[in-house]
Amino acid sequence: MNEKLWEQIEMDTLTSRLLAIGNLQNNPMGVSIQSFGQTMAYTVKSIPGPAFNVIRGLCGEDELLLDEIIDFYEKNIFLLASKLHRVIIPNHY
């Protein structure tokens, strides 16, 4: 299986799991998901680790959207923009 397909499968799985959690009454875990081009940004306020607070699929085309991605995280008051680089997982092309 090629790396691009594997990355998409992982993104689809994470999105599905977090949507299920986020759709619970009143979104008790504070799930937020946003797409930026091919890039997906995820936050779960009640789980402070990189497994669910991550950027997936960042590619060259979406680098111009990095300021918007940082704004998403600042709006959700979870990650400091200065530490964002620790959770970026780029797409493999």
C-alpha atoms as a PDB file:
ATOM      1  CA  MET A   1       0.000   0.000   0.000  1.00  0.00           C
ATOM      2  CA  ASN A   2       1.464   3.391  -0.890  1.00  0.00           C
ATOM      3  CA  GLU A   3       2.149   6.008   1.784  1.00  0.00           C
ATOM      4  CA  LYS A   4      -0.377   8.535   0.457  1.00  0.00           C
ATOM      5  CA  LEU A   5      -3.198   5.984   0.631  1.00  0.00           C
ATOM      6  CA  TRP A   6      -2.116   4.856   4.115  1.00  0.00           C
ATOM      7  CA  GLU A   7      -2.108   8.474   5.333  1.00  0.00           C
ATOM      8  CA  GLN A   8      -5.621   8.989   3.935  1.00  0.00           C
ATOM      9  CA  ILE A   9      -6.863   5.840   5.667  1.00  0.00           C
ATOM     10  CA  GLU A  10      -5.400   7.046   8.978  1.00  0.00           C
ATOM     11  CA  MET A  11      -7.010  10.478   8.506  1.00  0.00           C
ATOM     12  CA  ASP A  12     -10.388   8.926   7.684  1.00  0.00           C
ATOM     13  CA  THR A  13     -10.198   6.664  10.745  1.00  0.00           C
ATOM     14  CA  LEU A  14      -9.230   9.490  13.100  1.00  0.00           C
ATOM     15  CA  THR A  15     -11.928  11.735  11.652  1.00  0.00           C
ATOM     16  CA  SER A  16     -14.563   9.022  12.073  1.00  0.00           C
ATOM     17  CA  ARG A  17     -13.573   8.312  15.685  1.00  0.00           C
ATOM     18  CA  LEU A  18     -13.443  11.951  16.688  1.00  0.00           C
ATOM     19  CA  LEU A  19     -16.730  12.782  14.954  1.00  0.00           C
ATOM     20  CA  ALA A  20     -18.394   9.989  16.924  1.00  0.00           C
ATOM     21  CA  ILE A  21     -16.995  11.393  20.176  1.00  0.00           C
ATOM     22  CA  GLY A  22     -17.754  14.984  19.204  1.00  0.00           C
ATOM     23  CA  ASN A  23     -21.355  14.124  18.354  1.00  0.00           C
ATOM     24  CA  LEU A  24     -22.070  12.980  21.901  1.00  0.00           C
ATOM     25  CA  GLN A  25     -24.506  15.253  23.676  1.00  0.00           C
ATOM     26  CA  ASN A  26     -22.856  18.641  24.359  1.00  0.00           C
ATOM     27  CA  ASN A  27     -19.498  17.460  22.921  1.00  0.00           C
ATOM     28  CA  PRO A  28     -18.188  16.667  26.437  1.00  0.00           C
ATOM     29  CA  MET A  29     -14.585  16.088  25.355  1.00  0.00           C
ATOM     30  CA  GLY A  30     -14.313  19.294  23.328  1.00  0.00           C
ATOM     31  CA  VAL A  31     -13.627  17.761  19.911  1.00  0.00           C
ATOM     32  CA  SER A  32     -12.913  20.167  17.043  1.00  0.00           C
ATOM     33  CA  ILE A  33     -12.051  19.144  13.488  1.00  0.00           C
ATOM     34  CA  GLN A  34     -11.297  21.458  10.584  1.00  0.00           C
ATOM     35  CA  SER A  35     -10.074  20.834   7.053  1.00  0.00           C
ATOM     36  CA  PHE A  36      -7.660  23.178   5.306  1.00  0.00           C
ATOM     37  CA  GLY A  37      -7.267  22.032   1.714  1.00  0.00           C
ATOM     38  CA  GLN A  38      -5.943  18.463   2.042  1.00  0.00           C
ATOM     39  CA  THR A  39      -4.841  19.097   5.628  1.00  0.00           C
ATOM     40  CA  MET A  40      -6.942  18.070   8.624  1.00  0.00           C
ATOM     41  CA  ALA A  41      -6.521  19.702  12.034  1.00  0.00           C
ATOM     42  CA  TYR A  42      -7.838  17.945  15.135  1.00  0.00           C
ATOM     43  CA  THR A  43      -8.167  18.979  18.775  1.00  0.00           C
ATOM     44  CA  VAL A  44      -9.651  17.232  21.776  1.00  0.00           C
ATOM     45  CA  LYS A  45      -9.515  19.573  24.743  1.00  0.00           C
ATOM     46  CA  SER A  46      -9.890  16.861  27.384  1.00  0.00           C
ATOM     47  CA  ILE A  47      -7.052  14.700  25.984  1.00  0.00           C
ATOM     48  CA  PRO A  48      -3.834  16.759  26.123  1.00  0.00           C
ATOM     49  CA  GLY A  49      -1.592  14.559  24.003  1.00  0.00           C
ATOM     50  CA  PRO A  50      -0.495  14.411  20.375  1.00  0.00           C
ATOM     51  CA  ALA A  51      -2.555  11.350  19.416  1.00  0.00           C
ATOM     52  CA  PHE A  52      -5.771  13.365  19.040  1.00  0.00           C
ATOM     53  CA  ASN A  53      -4.350  16.900  18.875  1.00  0.00           C
ATOM     54  CA  VAL A  54      -2.627  16.676  15.569  1.00  0.00           C
ATOM     55  CA  ILE A  55      -2.359  17.975  12.038  1.00  0.00           C
ATOM     56  CA  ARG A  56      -2.515  15.313   9.332  1.00  0.00           C
ATOM     57  CA  GLY A  57      -1.919  15.488   5.619  1.00  0.00           C
ATOM     58  CA  LEU A  58      -0.024  18.770   5.471  1.00  0.00           C
ATOM     59  CA  CYS A  59       1.409  19.123   1.979  1.00  0.00           C
ATOM     60  CA  GLY A  60       3.175  21.837   0.027  1.00  0.00           C
ATOM     61  CA  GLU A  61      -0.074  23.115  -1.452  1.00  0.00           C
ATOM     62  CA  ASP A  62      -1.481  23.738   2.022  1.00  0.00           C
ATOM     63  CA  GLU A  63       1.552  25.474   3.510  1.00  0.00           C
ATOM     64  CA  LEU A  64      -0.037  28.785   2.532  1.00  0.00           C
ATOM     65  CA  LEU A  65      -2.872  27.902   4.916  1.00  0.00           C
ATOM     66  CA  LEU A  66      -0.561  27.503   7.924  1.00  0.00           C
ATOM     67  CA  ASP A  67      -1.669  30.830   9.456  1.00  0.00           C
ATOM     68  CA  GLU A  68      -5.299  29.682   9.255  1.00  0.00           C
ATOM     69  CA  ILE A  69      -4.360  26.379  10.885  1.00  0.00           C
ATOM     70  CA  ILE A  70      -2.592  28.206  13.721  1.00  0.00           C
ATOM     71  CA  ASP A  71      -5.667  30.442  14.113  1.00  0.00           C
ATOM     72  CA  PHE A  72      -7.804  27.294  14.421  1.00  0.00           C
ATOM     73  CA  TYR A  73      -5.655  26.065  17.305  1.00  0.00           C
ATOM     74  CA  GLU A  74      -5.531  29.482  18.960  1.00  0.00           C
ATOM     75  CA  LYS A  75      -9.325  29.747  18.666  1.00  0.00           C
ATOM     76  CA  ASN A  76      -9.723  26.381  20.316  1.00  0.00           C
ATOM     77  CA  ILE A  77      -7.305  27.458  23.060  1.00  0.00           C
ATOM     78  CA  PHE A  78      -5.442  24.192  23.141  1.00  0.00           C
ATOM     79  CA  LEU A  79      -1.996  24.338  21.578  1.00  0.00           C
ATOM     80  CA  LEU A  80       0.425  27.213  21.638  1.00  0.00           C
ATOM     81  CA  ALA A  81       1.439  28.220  18.133  1.00  0.00           C
ATOM     82  CA  SER A  82       5.095  28.020  19.147  1.00  0.00           C
ATOM     83  CA  LYS A  83       4.684  24.309  19.919  1.00  0.00           C
ATOM     84  CA  LEU A  84       2.603  23.443  16.862  1.00  0.00           C
ATOM     85  CA  HIS A  85       5.598  21.998  14.998  1.00  0.00           C
ATOM     86  CA  ARG A  86       5.678  19.061  17.425  1.00  0.00           C
ATOM     87  CA  VAL A  87       2.397  17.638  16.159  1.00  0.00           C
ATOM     88  CA  ILE A  88       2.621  18.222  12.402  1.00  0.00           C
ATOM     89  CA  ILE A  89       2.715  14.970  10.430  1.00  0.00           C
ATOM     90  CA  PRO A  90       3.357  15.736   6.733  1.00  0.00           C
ATOM     91  CA  ASN A  91       1.874  13.834   3.839  1.00  0.00           C
ATOM     92  CA  HIS A  92       4.381  11.598   2.063  1.00  0.00           C
ATOM     93  CA  TYR A  93       4.520  12.190  -1.685  1.00  0.00           C
END
